[in-house]
């Protein structure tokens, strides 16, 4: 009998359904709310302090998302998407995050 014959057991609980979708949207919304206020010519600066006390002040969405310590899987995907946008295009990370959360919320409503 091989390992592929039976169901995969990862010693945890699997959750599905509406509550998981809602949690994913809430986590992504939290990330979007952090960077949304830094968008545009009148965007606000963010002051980020890391574990050892180094301070970074920026209004660049890519820098903000890079310095965040994100644990939630859906929020992590959003941060990775913004990182890829920055790598490929060099701009638009805040817009990508704001647009994506709008799509998440629209999908949740339907």
PDB file of N, CA and C in Angstrom:
ATOM      1  N   UNK A   1       0.843  -1.182   0.000  1.00  0.00           N
ATOM      2  CA  UNK A   1       0.000   0.000   0.000  1.00  0.00           C
ATOM      3  C   UNK A   1       0.892   1.251   0.000  1.00  0.00           C
ATOM      4  N   UNK A   2       0.671   2.134  -0.946  1.00  0.00           N
ATOM      5  CA  UNK A   2       1.488   3.344  -1.024  1.00  0.00           C
ATOM      6  C   UNK A   2       0.802   4.483  -0.280  1.00  0.00           C
ATOM      7  N   UNK A   3       1.523   5.566  -0.118  1.00  0.00           N
ATOM      8  CA  UNK A   3       0.983   6.742   0.576  1.00  0.00           C
ATOM      9  C   UNK A   3      -0.120   7.425  -0.225  1.00  0.00           C
ATOM     10  N   UNK A   4      -0.128   7.229  -1.535  1.00  0.00           N
ATOM     11  CA  UNK A   4      -1.101   7.903  -2.380  1.00  0.00           C
ATOM     12  C   UNK A   4      -2.444   7.196  -2.432  1.00  0.00           C
ATOM     13  N   UNK A   5      -2.550   6.008  -1.845  1.00  0.00           N
ATOM     14  CA  UNK A   5      -3.800   5.255  -1.895  1.00  0.00           C
ATOM     15  C   UNK A   5      -4.888   5.846  -1.006  1.00  0.00           C
ATOM     16  N   UNK A   6      -4.537   6.421   0.111  1.00  0.00           N
ATOM     17  CA  UNK A   6      -5.527   6.944   1.053  1.00  0.00           C
ATOM     18  C   UNK A   6      -5.523   8.457   1.073  1.00  0.00           C
ATOM     19  N   UNK A   7      -6.413   9.045   1.871  1.00  0.00           N
ATOM     20  CA  UNK A   7      -6.448  10.506   1.981  1.00  0.00           C
ATOM     21  C   UNK A   7      -5.219  11.029   2.722  1.00  0.00           C
ATOM     22  N   UNK A   8      -4.820  12.217   2.381  1.00  0.00           N
ATOM     23  CA  UNK A   8      -3.662  12.853   2.993  1.00  0.00           C
ATOM     24  C   UNK A   8      -4.052  13.376   4.376  1.00  0.00           C
ATOM     25  N   UNK A   9      -3.299  13.014   5.385  1.00  0.00           N
ATOM     26  CA  UNK A   9      -3.552  13.465   6.743  1.00  0.00           C
ATOM     27  C   UNK A   9      -2.424  14.388   7.168  1.00  0.00           C
ATOM     28  N   UNK A  10      -2.753  15.638   7.442  1.00  0.00           N
ATOM     29  CA  UNK A  10      -1.739  16.609   7.848  1.00  0.00           C
ATOM     30  C   UNK A  10      -1.878  16.989   9.315  1.00  0.00           C
ATOM     31  N   UNK A  11      -2.586  16.146  10.067  1.00  0.00           N
ATOM     32  CA  UNK A  11      -2.742  16.330  11.514  1.00  0.00           C
ATOM     33  C   UNK A  11      -3.308  17.706  11.865  1.00  0.00           C
ATOM     34  N   UNK A  12      -4.387  18.055  11.245  1.00  0.00           N
ATOM     35  CA  UNK A  12      -5.045  19.314  11.534  1.00  0.00           C
ATOM     36  C   UNK A  12      -6.490  19.242  11.090  1.00  0.00           C
ATOM     37  N   UNK A  13      -7.191  20.324  11.309  1.00  0.00           N
ATOM     38  CA  UNK A  13      -8.577  20.371  10.875  1.00  0.00           C
ATOM     39  C   UNK A  13      -8.681  21.142   9.581  1.00  0.00           C
ATOM     40  N   UNK A  14      -9.526  20.668   8.710  1.00  0.00           N
ATOM     41  CA  UNK A  14      -9.765  21.348   7.448  1.00  0.00           C
ATOM     42  C   UNK A  14     -11.074  22.111   7.580  1.00  0.00           C
ATOM     43  N   UNK A  15     -11.031  23.392   7.304  1.00  0.00           N
ATOM     44  CA  UNK A  15     -12.239  24.202   7.376  1.00  0.00           C
ATOM     45  C   UNK A  15     -12.584  24.694   5.979  1.00  0.00           C
ATOM     46  N   UNK A  16     -13.850  24.700   5.687  1.00  0.00           N
ATOM     47  CA  UNK A  16     -14.315  25.142   4.376  1.00  0.00           C
ATOM     48  C   UNK A  16     -15.583  25.961   4.549  1.00  0.00           C
ATOM     49  N   UNK A  17     -16.017  26.560   3.468  1.00  0.00           N
ATOM     50  CA  UNK A  17     -17.308  27.226   3.466  1.00  0.00           C
ATOM     51  C   UNK A  17     -17.245  28.731   3.573  1.00  0.00           C
ATOM     52  N   UNK A  18     -18.388  29.272   3.882  1.00  0.00           N
ATOM     53  CA  UNK A  18     -18.573  30.722   3.920  1.00  0.00           C
ATOM     54  C   UNK A  18     -17.684  31.406   4.957  1.00  0.00           C
ATOM     55  N   UNK A  19     -17.501  30.781   6.114  1.00  0.00           N
ATOM     56  CA  UNK A  19     -16.695  31.421   7.160  1.00  0.00           C
ATOM     57  C   UNK A  19     -15.237  31.574   6.726  1.00  0.00           C
ATOM     58  N   UNK A  20     -14.718  30.600   5.994  1.00  0.00           N
ATOM     59  CA  UNK A  20     -13.333  30.688   5.521  1.00  0.00           C
ATOM     60  C   UNK A  20     -13.196  31.788   4.475  1.00  0.00           C
ATOM     61  N   UNK A  21     -14.173  31.868   3.576  1.00  0.00           N
ATOM     62  CA  UNK A  21     -14.133  32.937   2.569  1.00  0.00           C
ATOM     63  C   UNK A  21     -14.184  34.298   3.246  1.00  0.00           C
ATOM     64  N   UNK A  22     -15.019  34.431   4.258  1.00  0.00           N
ATOM     65  CA  UNK A  22     -15.123  35.699   4.976  1.00  0.00           C
ATOM     66  C   UNK A  22     -13.811  36.040   5.677  1.00  0.00           C
ATOM     67  N   UNK A  23     -13.178  35.054   6.292  1.00  0.00           N
ATOM     68  CA  UNK A  23     -11.885  35.291   6.952  1.00  0.00           C
ATOM     69  C   UNK A  23     -10.820  35.703   5.939  1.00  0.00           C
ATOM     70  N   UNK A  24     -10.825  35.077   4.766  1.00  0.00           N
ATOM     71  CA  UNK A  24      -9.852  35.429   3.733  1.00  0.00           C
ATOM     72  C   UNK A  24     -10.043  36.865   3.272  1.00  0.00           C
ATOM     73  N   UNK A  25     -11.283  37.266   3.061  1.00  0.00           N
ATOM     74  CA  UNK A  25     -11.560  38.638   2.632  1.00  0.00           C
ATOM     75  C   UNK A  25     -11.182  39.625   3.726  1.00  0.00           C
ATOM     76  N   UNK A  26     -11.451  39.280   4.977  1.00  0.00           N
ATOM     77  CA  UNK A  26     -11.098  40.181   6.080  1.00  0.00           C
ATOM     78  C   UNK A  26      -9.581  40.349   6.198  1.00  0.00           C
ATOM     79  N   UNK A  27      -8.838  39.261   6.013  1.00  0.00           N
ATOM     80  CA  UNK A  27      -7.374  39.346   6.086  1.00  0.00           C
ATOM     81  C   UNK A  27      -6.831  40.185   4.933  1.00  0.00           C
ATOM     82  N   UNK A  28      -7.360  39.966   3.732  1.00  0.00           N
ATOM     83  CA  UNK A  28      -6.919  40.749   2.581  1.00  0.00           C
ATOM     84  C   UNK A  28      -7.332  42.213   2.727  1.00  0.00           C
ATOM     85  N   UNK A  29      -8.509  42.453   3.313  1.00  0.00           N
ATOM     86  CA  UNK A  29      -8.951  43.835   3.539  1.00  0.00           C
ATOM     87  C   UNK A  29      -8.033  44.558   4.514  1.00  0.00           C
ATOM     88  N   UNK A  30      -7.551  43.848   5.515  1.00  0.00           N
ATOM     89  CA  UNK A  30      -6.627  44.463   6.479  1.00  0.00           C
ATOM     90  C   UNK A  30      -5.356  44.914   5.779  1.00  0.00           C
ATOM     91  N   UNK A  31      -4.839  44.077   4.892  1.00  0.00           N
ATOM     92  CA  UNK A  31      -3.641  44.454   4.134  1.00  0.00           C
ATOM     93  C   UNK A  31      -3.931  45.647   3.235  1.00  0.00           C
ATOM     94  N   UNK A  32      -5.073  45.613   2.553  1.00  0.00           N
ATOM     95  CA  UNK A  32      -5.431  46.711   1.650  1.00  0.00           C
ATOM     96  C   UNK A  32      -5.613  48.018   2.412  1.00  0.00           C
ATOM     97  N   UNK A  33      -6.219  47.957   3.591  1.00  0.00           N
ATOM     98  CA  UNK A  33      -6.423  49.175   4.375  1.00  0.00           C
ATOM     99  C   UNK A  33      -5.111  49.793   4.835  1.00  0.00           C
ATOM    100  N   UNK A  34      -4.099  48.959   5.030  1.00  0.00           N
ATOM    101  CA  UNK A  34      -2.797  49.485   5.447  1.00  0.00           C
ATOM    102  C   UNK A  34      -2.181  50.326   4.341  1.00  0.00           C
ATOM    103  N   UNK A  35      -2.255  49.843   3.107  1.00  0.00           N
ATOM    104  CA  UNK A  35      -1.582  50.552   2.011  1.00  0.00           C
ATOM    105  C   UNK A  35      -2.481  51.539   1.279  1.00  0.00           C
ATOM    106  N   UNK A  36      -3.798  51.419   1.443  1.00  0.00           N
ATOM    107  CA  UNK A  36      -4.716  52.262   0.680  1.00  0.00           C
ATOM    108  C   UNK A  36      -4.527  53.747   0.976  1.00  0.00           C
ATOM    109  N   UNK A  37      -4.259  54.086   2.212  1.00  0.00           N
ATOM    110  CA  UNK A  37      -4.121  55.503   2.564  1.00  0.00           C
ATOM    111  C   UNK A  37      -2.817  56.112   2.065  1.00  0.00           C
ATOM    112  N   UNK A  38      -1.913  55.292   1.539  1.00  0.00           N
ATOM    113  CA  UNK A  38      -0.662  55.832   0.996  1.00  0.00           C
ATOM    114  C   UNK A  38      -0.747  56.051  -0.515  1.00  0.00           C
ATOM    115  N   UNK A  39      -1.914  55.809  -1.103  1.00  0.00           N
ATOM    116  CA  UNK A  39      -2.078  55.906  -2.551  1.00  0.00           C
ATOM    117  C   UNK A  39      -2.274  57.352  -2.995  1.00  0.00           C
ATOM    118  N   UNK A  40      -1.650  57.708  -4.093  1.00  0.00           N
ATOM    119  CA  UNK A  40      -1.881  59.005  -4.726  1.00  0.00           C
ATOM    120  C   UNK A  40      -0.947  60.095  -4.248  1.00  0.00           C
ATOM    121  N   UNK A  41      -1.120  61.267  -4.851  1.00  0.00           N
ATOM    122  CA  UNK A  41      -0.217  62.390  -4.538  1.00  0.00           C
ATOM    123  C   UNK A  41      -0.400  62.949  -3.131  1.00  0.00           C
ATOM    124  N   UNK A  42      -1.549  62.729  -2.518  1.00  0.00           N
ATOM    125  CA  UNK A  42      -1.755  63.194  -1.149  1.00  0.00           C
ATOM    126  C   UNK A  42      -1.753  62.012  -0.179  1.00  0.00           C
ATOM    127  N   UNK A  43      -1.114  60.919  -0.580  1.00  0.00           N
ATOM    128  CA  UNK A  43      -1.048  59.723   0.260  1.00  0.00           C
ATOM    129  C   UNK A  43      -0.235  59.978   1.520  1.00  0.00           C
ATOM    130  N   UNK A  44      -0.617  59.296   2.560  1.00  0.00           N
ATOM    131  CA  UNK A  44       0.040  59.463   3.853  1.00  0.00           C
ATOM    132  C   UNK A  44       1.275  58.572   3.960  1.00  0.00           C
ATOM    133  N   UNK A  45       2.280  59.045   4.675  1.00  0.00           N
ATOM    134  CA  UNK A  45       3.456  58.234   4.962  1.00  0.00           C
ATOM    135  C   UNK A  45       3.138  57.264   6.089  1.00  0.00           C
ATOM    136  N   UNK A  46       3.817  56.131   6.063  1.00  0.00           N
ATOM    137  CA  UNK A  46       3.681  55.130   7.128  1.00  0.00           C
ATOM    138  C   UNK A  46       5.024  55.022   7.838  1.00  0.00           C
ATOM    139  N   UNK A  47       4.965  54.917   9.156  1.00  0.00           N
ATOM    140  CA  UNK A  47       6.173  54.703   9.931  1.00  0.00           C
ATOM    141  C   UNK A  47       6.148  53.264  10.429  1.00  0.00           C
ATOM    142  N   UNK A  48       7.120  52.479   9.998  1.00  0.00           N
ATOM    143  CA  UNK A  48       7.211  51.069  10.361  1.00  0.00           C
ATOM    144  C   UNK A  48       8.425  50.863  11.243  1.00  0.00           C
ATOM    145  N   UNK A  49       8.237  50.145  12.336  1.00  0.00           N
ATOM    146  CA  UNK A  49       9.321  49.840  13.257  1.00  0.00           C
ATOM    147  C   UNK A  49       9.462  48.328  13.315  1.00  0.00           C
ATOM    148  N   UNK A  50      10.680  47.828  13.070  1.00  0.00           N
ATOM    149  CA  UNK A  50      10.880  46.376  13.090  1.00  0.00           C
ATOM    150  C   UNK A  50      11.247  45.894  14.494  1.00  0.00           C
ATOM    151  N   UNK A  51      11.577  44.616  14.585  1.00  0.00           N
ATOM    152  CA  UNK A  51      11.835  43.986  15.886  1.00  0.00           C
ATOM    153  C   UNK A  51      13.012  44.598  16.636  1.00  0.00           C
ATOM    154  N   UNK A  52      14.017  45.050  15.902  1.00  0.00           N
ATOM    155  CA  UNK A  52      15.193  45.588  16.580  1.00  0.00           C
ATOM    156  C   UNK A  52      15.153  47.109  16.721  1.00  0.00           C
ATOM    157  N   UNK A  53      14.049  47.714  16.297  1.00  0.00           N
ATOM    158  CA  UNK A  53      13.871  49.144  16.496  1.00  0.00           C
ATOM    159  C   UNK A  53      14.231  50.024  15.315  1.00  0.00           C
ATOM    160  N   UNK A  54      14.592  49.428  14.179  1.00  0.00           N
ATOM    161  CA  UNK A  54      14.870  50.243  12.994  1.00  0.00           C
ATOM    162  C   UNK A  54      13.566  50.837  12.480  1.00  0.00           C
ATOM    163  N   UNK A  55      13.605  52.132  12.169  1.00  0.00           N
ATOM    164  CA  UNK A  55      12.411  52.847  11.719  1.00  0.00           C
ATOM    165  C   UNK A  55      12.506  53.101  10.223  1.00  0.00           C
ATOM    166  N   UNK A  56      11.405  52.828   9.516  1.00  0.00           N
ATOM    167  CA  UNK A  56      11.303  53.113   8.096  1.00  0.00           C
ATOM    168  C   UNK A  56      10.064  53.971   7.886  1.00  0.00           C
ATOM    169  N   UNK A  57      10.238  55.113   7.222  1.00  0.00           N
ATOM    170  CA  UNK A  57       9.113  55.982   6.898  1.00  0.00           C
ATOM    171  C   UNK A  57       8.981  56.009   5.388  1.00  0.00           C
ATOM    172  N   UNK A  58       7.814  55.598   4.898  1.00  0.00           N
ATOM    173  CA  UNK A  58       7.609  55.502   3.452  1.00  0.00           C
ATOM    174  C   UNK A  58       6.134  55.595   3.120  1.00  0.00           C
ATOM    175  N   UNK A  59       5.847  55.941   1.867  1.00  0.00           N
ATOM    176  CA  UNK A  59       4.482  55.832   1.360  1.00  0.00           C
ATOM    177  C   UNK A  59       4.451  54.924   0.135  1.00  0.00           C
ATOM    178  N   UNK A  60       5.512  54.161  -0.060  1.00  0.00           N
ATOM    179  CA  UNK A  60       5.611  53.210  -1.164  1.00  0.00           C
ATOM    180  C   UNK A  60       4.963  51.896  -0.755  1.00  0.00           C
ATOM    181  N   UNK A  61       3.944  51.487  -1.494  1.00  0.00           N
ATOM    182  CA  UNK A  61       3.208  50.273  -1.160  1.00  0.00           C
ATOM    183  C   UNK A  61       4.077  49.034  -1.135  1.00  0.00           C
ATOM    184  N   UNK A  62       5.021  48.935  -2.076  1.00  0.00           N
ATOM    185  CA  UNK A  62       5.901  47.769  -2.134  1.00  0.00           C
ATOM    186  C   UNK A  62       6.765  47.665  -0.889  1.00  0.00           C
ATOM    187  N   UNK A  63       7.286  48.772  -0.425  1.00  0.00           N
ATOM    188  CA  UNK A  63       8.123  48.773   0.774  1.00  0.00           C
ATOM    189  C   UNK A  63       7.297  48.434   2.007  1.00  0.00           C
ATOM    190  N   UNK A  64       6.112  48.994   2.095  1.00  0.00           N
ATOM    191  CA  UNK A  64       5.243  48.714   3.240  1.00  0.00           C
ATOM    192  C   UNK A  64       4.928  47.227   3.306  1.00  0.00           C
ATOM    193  N   UNK A  65       4.518  46.657   2.176  1.00  0.00           N
ATOM    194  CA  UNK A  65       4.138  45.243   2.160  1.00  0.00           C
ATOM    195  C   UNK A  65       5.334  44.328   2.381  1.00  0.00           C
ATOM    196  N   UNK A  66       6.500  44.751   1.931  1.00  0.00           N
ATOM    197  CA  UNK A  66       7.710  43.942   2.122  1.00  0.00           C
ATOM    198  C   UNK A  66       8.102  43.874   3.595  1.00  0.00           C
ATOM    199  N   UNK A  67       7.842  44.942   4.330  1.00  0.00           N
ATOM    200  CA  UNK A  67       8.249  45.000   5.729  1.00  0.00           C
ATOM    201  C   UNK A  67       7.211  44.418   6.688  1.00  0.00           C
ATOM    202  N   UNK A  68       6.021  44.141   6.193  1.00  0.00           N
ATOM    203  CA  UNK A  68       4.996  43.543   7.051  1.00  0.00           C
ATOM    204  C   UNK A  68       5.308  42.075   7.305  1.00  0.00           C
ATOM    205  N   UNK A  69       4.987  41.607   8.491  1.00  0.00           N
ATOM    206  CA  UNK A  69       5.123  40.189   8.823  1.00  0.00           C
ATOM    207  C   UNK A  69       3.727  39.577   8.765  1.00  0.00           C
ATOM    208  N   UNK A  70       3.403  38.988   7.628  1.00  0.00           N
ATOM    209  CA  UNK A  70       2.064  38.471   7.378  1.00  0.00           C
ATOM    210  C   UNK A  70       2.055  36.963   7.576  1.00  0.00           C
ATOM    211  N   UNK A  71       1.052  36.465   8.300  1.00  0.00           N
ATOM    212  CA  UNK A  71       0.936  35.027   8.548  1.00  0.00           C
ATOM    213  C   UNK A  71      -0.252  34.397   7.842  1.00  0.00           C
ATOM    214  N   UNK A  72      -1.316  35.139   7.634  1.00  0.00           N
ATOM    215  CA  UNK A  72      -2.520  34.573   7.022  1.00  0.00           C
ATOM    216  C   UNK A  72      -2.246  34.237   5.550  1.00  0.00           C
ATOM    217  N   UNK A  73      -2.615  33.034   5.101  1.00  0.00           N
ATOM    218  CA  UNK A  73      -2.304  32.614   3.722  1.00  0.00           C
ATOM    219  C   UNK A  73      -2.876  33.533   2.642  1.00  0.00           C
ATOM    220  N   UNK A  74      -4.113  33.983   2.783  1.00  0.00           N
ATOM    221  CA  UNK A  74      -4.704  34.854   1.758  1.00  0.00           C
ATOM    222  C   UNK A  74      -4.013  36.216   1.736  1.00  0.00           C
ATOM    223  N   UNK A  75      -3.683  36.729   2.893  1.00  0.00           N
ATOM    224  CA  UNK A  75      -2.984  38.008   2.966  1.00  0.00           C
ATOM    225  C   UNK A  75      -1.570  37.876   2.415  1.00  0.00           C
ATOM    226  N   UNK A  76      -0.945  36.724   2.646  1.00  0.00           N
ATOM    227  CA  UNK A  76       0.384  36.470   2.104  1.00  0.00           C
ATOM    228  C   UNK A  76       0.376  36.469   0.584  1.00  0.00           C
ATOM    229  N   UNK A  77      -0.663  35.868   0.008  1.00  0.00           N
ATOM    230  CA  UNK A  77      -0.789  35.832  -1.451  1.00  0.00           C
ATOM    231  C   UNK A  77      -0.898  37.246  -1.998  1.00  0.00           C
ATOM    232  N   UNK A  78      -1.640  38.096  -1.319  1.00  0.00           N
ATOM    233  CA  UNK A  78      -1.785  39.486  -1.746  1.00  0.00           C
ATOM    234  C   UNK A  78      -0.446  40.222  -1.685  1.00  0.00           C
ATOM    235  N   UNK A  79       0.324  39.978  -0.643  1.00  0.00           N
ATOM    236  CA  UNK A  79       1.651  40.598  -0.528  1.00  0.00           C
ATOM    237  C   UNK A  79       2.595  40.084  -1.618  1.00  0.00           C
ATOM    238  N   UNK A  80       2.515  38.788  -1.909  1.00  0.00           N
ATOM    239  CA  UNK A  80       3.349  38.219  -2.965  1.00  0.00           C
ATOM    240  C   UNK A  80       2.959  38.766  -4.330  1.00  0.00           C
ATOM    241  N   UNK A  81       1.675  38.976  -4.550  1.00  0.00           N
ATOM    242  CA  UNK A  81       1.201  39.558  -5.801  1.00  0.00           C
ATOM    243  C   UNK A  81       1.752  40.969  -5.976  1.00  0.00           C
ATOM    244  N   UNK A  82       1.727  41.745  -4.908  1.00  0.00           N
ATOM    245  CA  UNK A  82       2.274  43.098  -4.963  1.00  0.00           C
ATOM    246  C   UNK A  82       3.776  43.072  -5.208  1.00  0.00           C
ATOM    247  N   UNK A  83       4.467  42.099  -4.609  1.00  0.00           N
ATOM    248  CA  UNK A  83       5.912  41.973  -4.826  1.00  0.00           C
ATOM    249  C   UNK A  83       6.224  41.642  -6.285  1.00  0.00           C
ATOM    250  N   UNK A  84       5.431  40.751  -6.872  1.00  0.00           N
ATOM    251  CA  UNK A  84       5.613  40.421  -8.291  1.00  0.00           C
ATOM    252  C   UNK A  84       5.329  41.616  -9.183  1.00  0.00           C
ATOM    253  N   UNK A  85       4.301  42.390  -8.835  1.00  0.00           N
ATOM    254  CA  UNK A  85       3.985  43.596  -9.597  1.00  0.00           C
ATOM    255  C   UNK A  85       5.161  44.566  -9.549  1.00  0.00           C
ATOM    256  N   UNK A  86       5.765  44.722  -8.388  1.00  0.00           N
ATOM    257  CA  UNK A  86       6.906  45.621  -8.240  1.00  0.00           C
ATOM    258  C   UNK A  86       8.103  45.111  -9.031  1.00  0.00           C
ATOM    259  N   UNK A  87       8.305  43.791  -9.015  1.00  0.00           N
ATOM    260  CA  UNK A  87       9.432  43.208  -9.728  1.00  0.00           C
ATOM    261  C   UNK A  87       9.282  43.341 -11.244  1.00  0.00           C
ATOM    262  N   UNK A  88       8.075  43.083 -11.756  1.00  0.00           N
ATOM    263  CA  UNK A  88       7.839  43.085 -13.199  1.00  0.00           C
ATOM    264  C   UNK A  88       7.695  44.485 -13.772  1.00  0.00           C
ATOM    265  N   UNK A  89       6.928  45.343 -13.089  1.00  0.00           N
ATOM    266  CA  UNK A  89       6.598  46.659 -13.628  1.00  0.00           C
ATOM    267  C   UNK A  89       7.346  47.774 -12.915  1.00  0.00           C
ATOM    268  N   UNK A  90       7.539  47.619 -11.610  1.00  0.00           N
ATOM    269  CA  UNK A  90       8.241  48.633 -10.843  1.00  0.00           C
ATOM    270  C   UNK A  90       7.329  49.658 -10.202  1.00  0.00           C
ATOM    271  N   UNK A  91       6.025  49.534 -10.425  1.00  0.00           N
ATOM    272  CA  UNK A  91       5.083  50.497  -9.874  1.00  0.00           C
ATOM    273  C   UNK A  91       3.702  49.850  -9.810  1.00  0.00           C
ATOM    274  N   UNK A  92       2.782  50.476  -9.097  1.00  0.00           N
ATOM    275  CA  UNK A  92       1.404  50.019  -9.094  1.00  0.00           C
ATOM    276  C   UNK A  92       1.054  48.999  -8.038  1.00  0.00           C
ATOM    277  N   UNK A  93       1.919  48.799  -7.053  1.00  0.00           N
ATOM    278  CA  UNK A  93       1.628  47.773  -6.049  1.00  0.00           C
ATOM    279  C   UNK A  93       0.414  48.130  -5.201  1.00  0.00           C
ATOM    280  N   UNK A  94       0.290  49.386  -4.809  1.00  0.00           N
ATOM    281  CA  UNK A  94      -0.852  49.799  -4.002  1.00  0.00           C
ATOM    282  C   UNK A  94      -2.143  49.675  -4.796  1.00  0.00           C
ATOM    283  N   UNK A  95      -2.102  50.032  -6.069  1.00  0.00           N
ATOM    284  CA  UNK A  95      -3.283  49.912  -6.920  1.00  0.00           C
ATOM    285  C   UNK A  95      -3.694  48.459  -7.095  1.00  0.00           C
ATOM    286  N   UNK A  96      -2.724  47.580  -7.258  1.00  0.00           N
ATOM    287  CA  UNK A  96      -3.017  46.155  -7.414  1.00  0.00           C
ATOM    288  C   UNK A  96      -3.708  45.623  -6.164  1.00  0.00           C
ATOM    289  N   UNK A  97      -3.202  45.979  -5.002  1.00  0.00           N
ATOM    290  CA  UNK A  97      -3.794  45.515  -3.748  1.00  0.00           C
ATOM    291  C   UNK A  97      -5.205  46.076  -3.595  1.00  0.00           C
ATOM    292  N   UNK A  98      -5.406  47.351  -3.889  1.00  0.00           N
ATOM    293  CA  UNK A  98      -6.727  47.963  -3.751  1.00  0.00           C
ATOM    294  C   UNK A  98      -7.727  47.339  -4.719  1.00  0.00           C
ATOM    295  N   UNK A  99      -7.307  47.101  -5.953  1.00  0.00           N
ATOM    296  CA  UNK A  99      -8.201  46.494  -6.939  1.00  0.00           C
ATOM    297  C   UNK A  99      -8.521  45.052  -6.583  1.00  0.00           C
ATOM    298  N   UNK A 100      -7.544  44.321  -6.102  1.00  0.00           N
ATOM    299  CA  UNK A 100      -7.772  42.923  -5.752  1.00  0.00           C
ATOM    300  C   UNK A 100      -8.752  42.780  -4.599  1.00  0.00           C
ATOM    301  N   UNK A 101      -8.649  43.635  -3.620  1.00  0.00           N
ATOM    302  CA  UNK A 101      -9.577  43.517  -2.496  1.00  0.00           C
ATOM    303  C   UNK A 101     -10.988  43.854  -2.941  1.00  0.00           C
ATOM    304  N   UNK A 102     -11.125  44.751  -3.908  1.00  0.00           N
ATOM    305  CA  UNK A 102     -12.452  45.033  -4.460  1.00  0.00           C
ATOM    306  C   UNK A 102     -13.023  43.794  -5.124  1.00  0.00           C
ATOM    307  N   UNK A 103     -12.195  43.045  -5.835  1.00  0.00           N
ATOM    308  CA  UNK A 103     -12.645  41.801  -6.469  1.00  0.00           C
ATOM    309  C   UNK A 103     -13.016  40.757  -5.432  1.00  0.00           C
ATOM    310  N   UNK A 104     -12.215  40.658  -4.363  1.00  0.00           N
ATOM    311  CA  UNK A 104     -12.524  39.703  -3.293  1.00  0.00           C
ATOM    312  C   UNK A 104     -13.897  40.021  -2.686  1.00  0.00           C
ATOM    313  N   UNK A 105     -14.121  41.301  -2.396  1.00  0.00           N
ATOM    314  CA  UNK A 105     -15.377  41.682  -1.769  1.00  0.00           C
ATOM    315  C   UNK A 105     -16.555  41.479  -2.715  1.00  0.00           C
ATOM    316  N   UNK A 106     -16.355  41.738  -3.998  1.00  0.00           N
ATOM    317  CA  UNK A 106     -17.399  41.498  -4.973  1.00  0.00           C
ATOM    318  C   UNK A 106     -17.729  40.014  -5.071  1.00  0.00           C
ATOM    319  N   UNK A 107     -16.706  39.182  -5.056  1.00  0.00           N
ATOM    320  CA  UNK A 107     -16.920  37.742  -5.127  1.00  0.00           C
ATOM    321  C   UNK A 107     -17.635  37.236  -3.879  1.00  0.00           C
ATOM    322  N   UNK A 108     -17.347  37.835  -2.738  1.00  0.00           N
ATOM    323  CA  UNK A 108     -17.992  37.422  -1.493  1.00  0.00           C
ATOM    324  C   UNK A 108     -19.487  37.723  -1.518  1.00  0.00           C
ATOM    325  N   UNK A 109     -19.846  38.824  -2.182  1.00  0.00           N
ATOM    326  CA  UNK A 109     -21.247  39.221  -2.241  1.00  0.00           C
ATOM    327  C   UNK A 109     -22.066  38.351  -3.184  1.00  0.00           C
ATOM    328  N   UNK A 110     -21.427  37.732  -4.175  1.00  0.00           N
ATOM    329  CA  UNK A 110     -22.177  36.926  -5.146  1.00  0.00           C
ATOM    330  C   UNK A 110     -22.234  35.486  -4.754  1.00  0.00           C
TER     331      UNK A 110
END
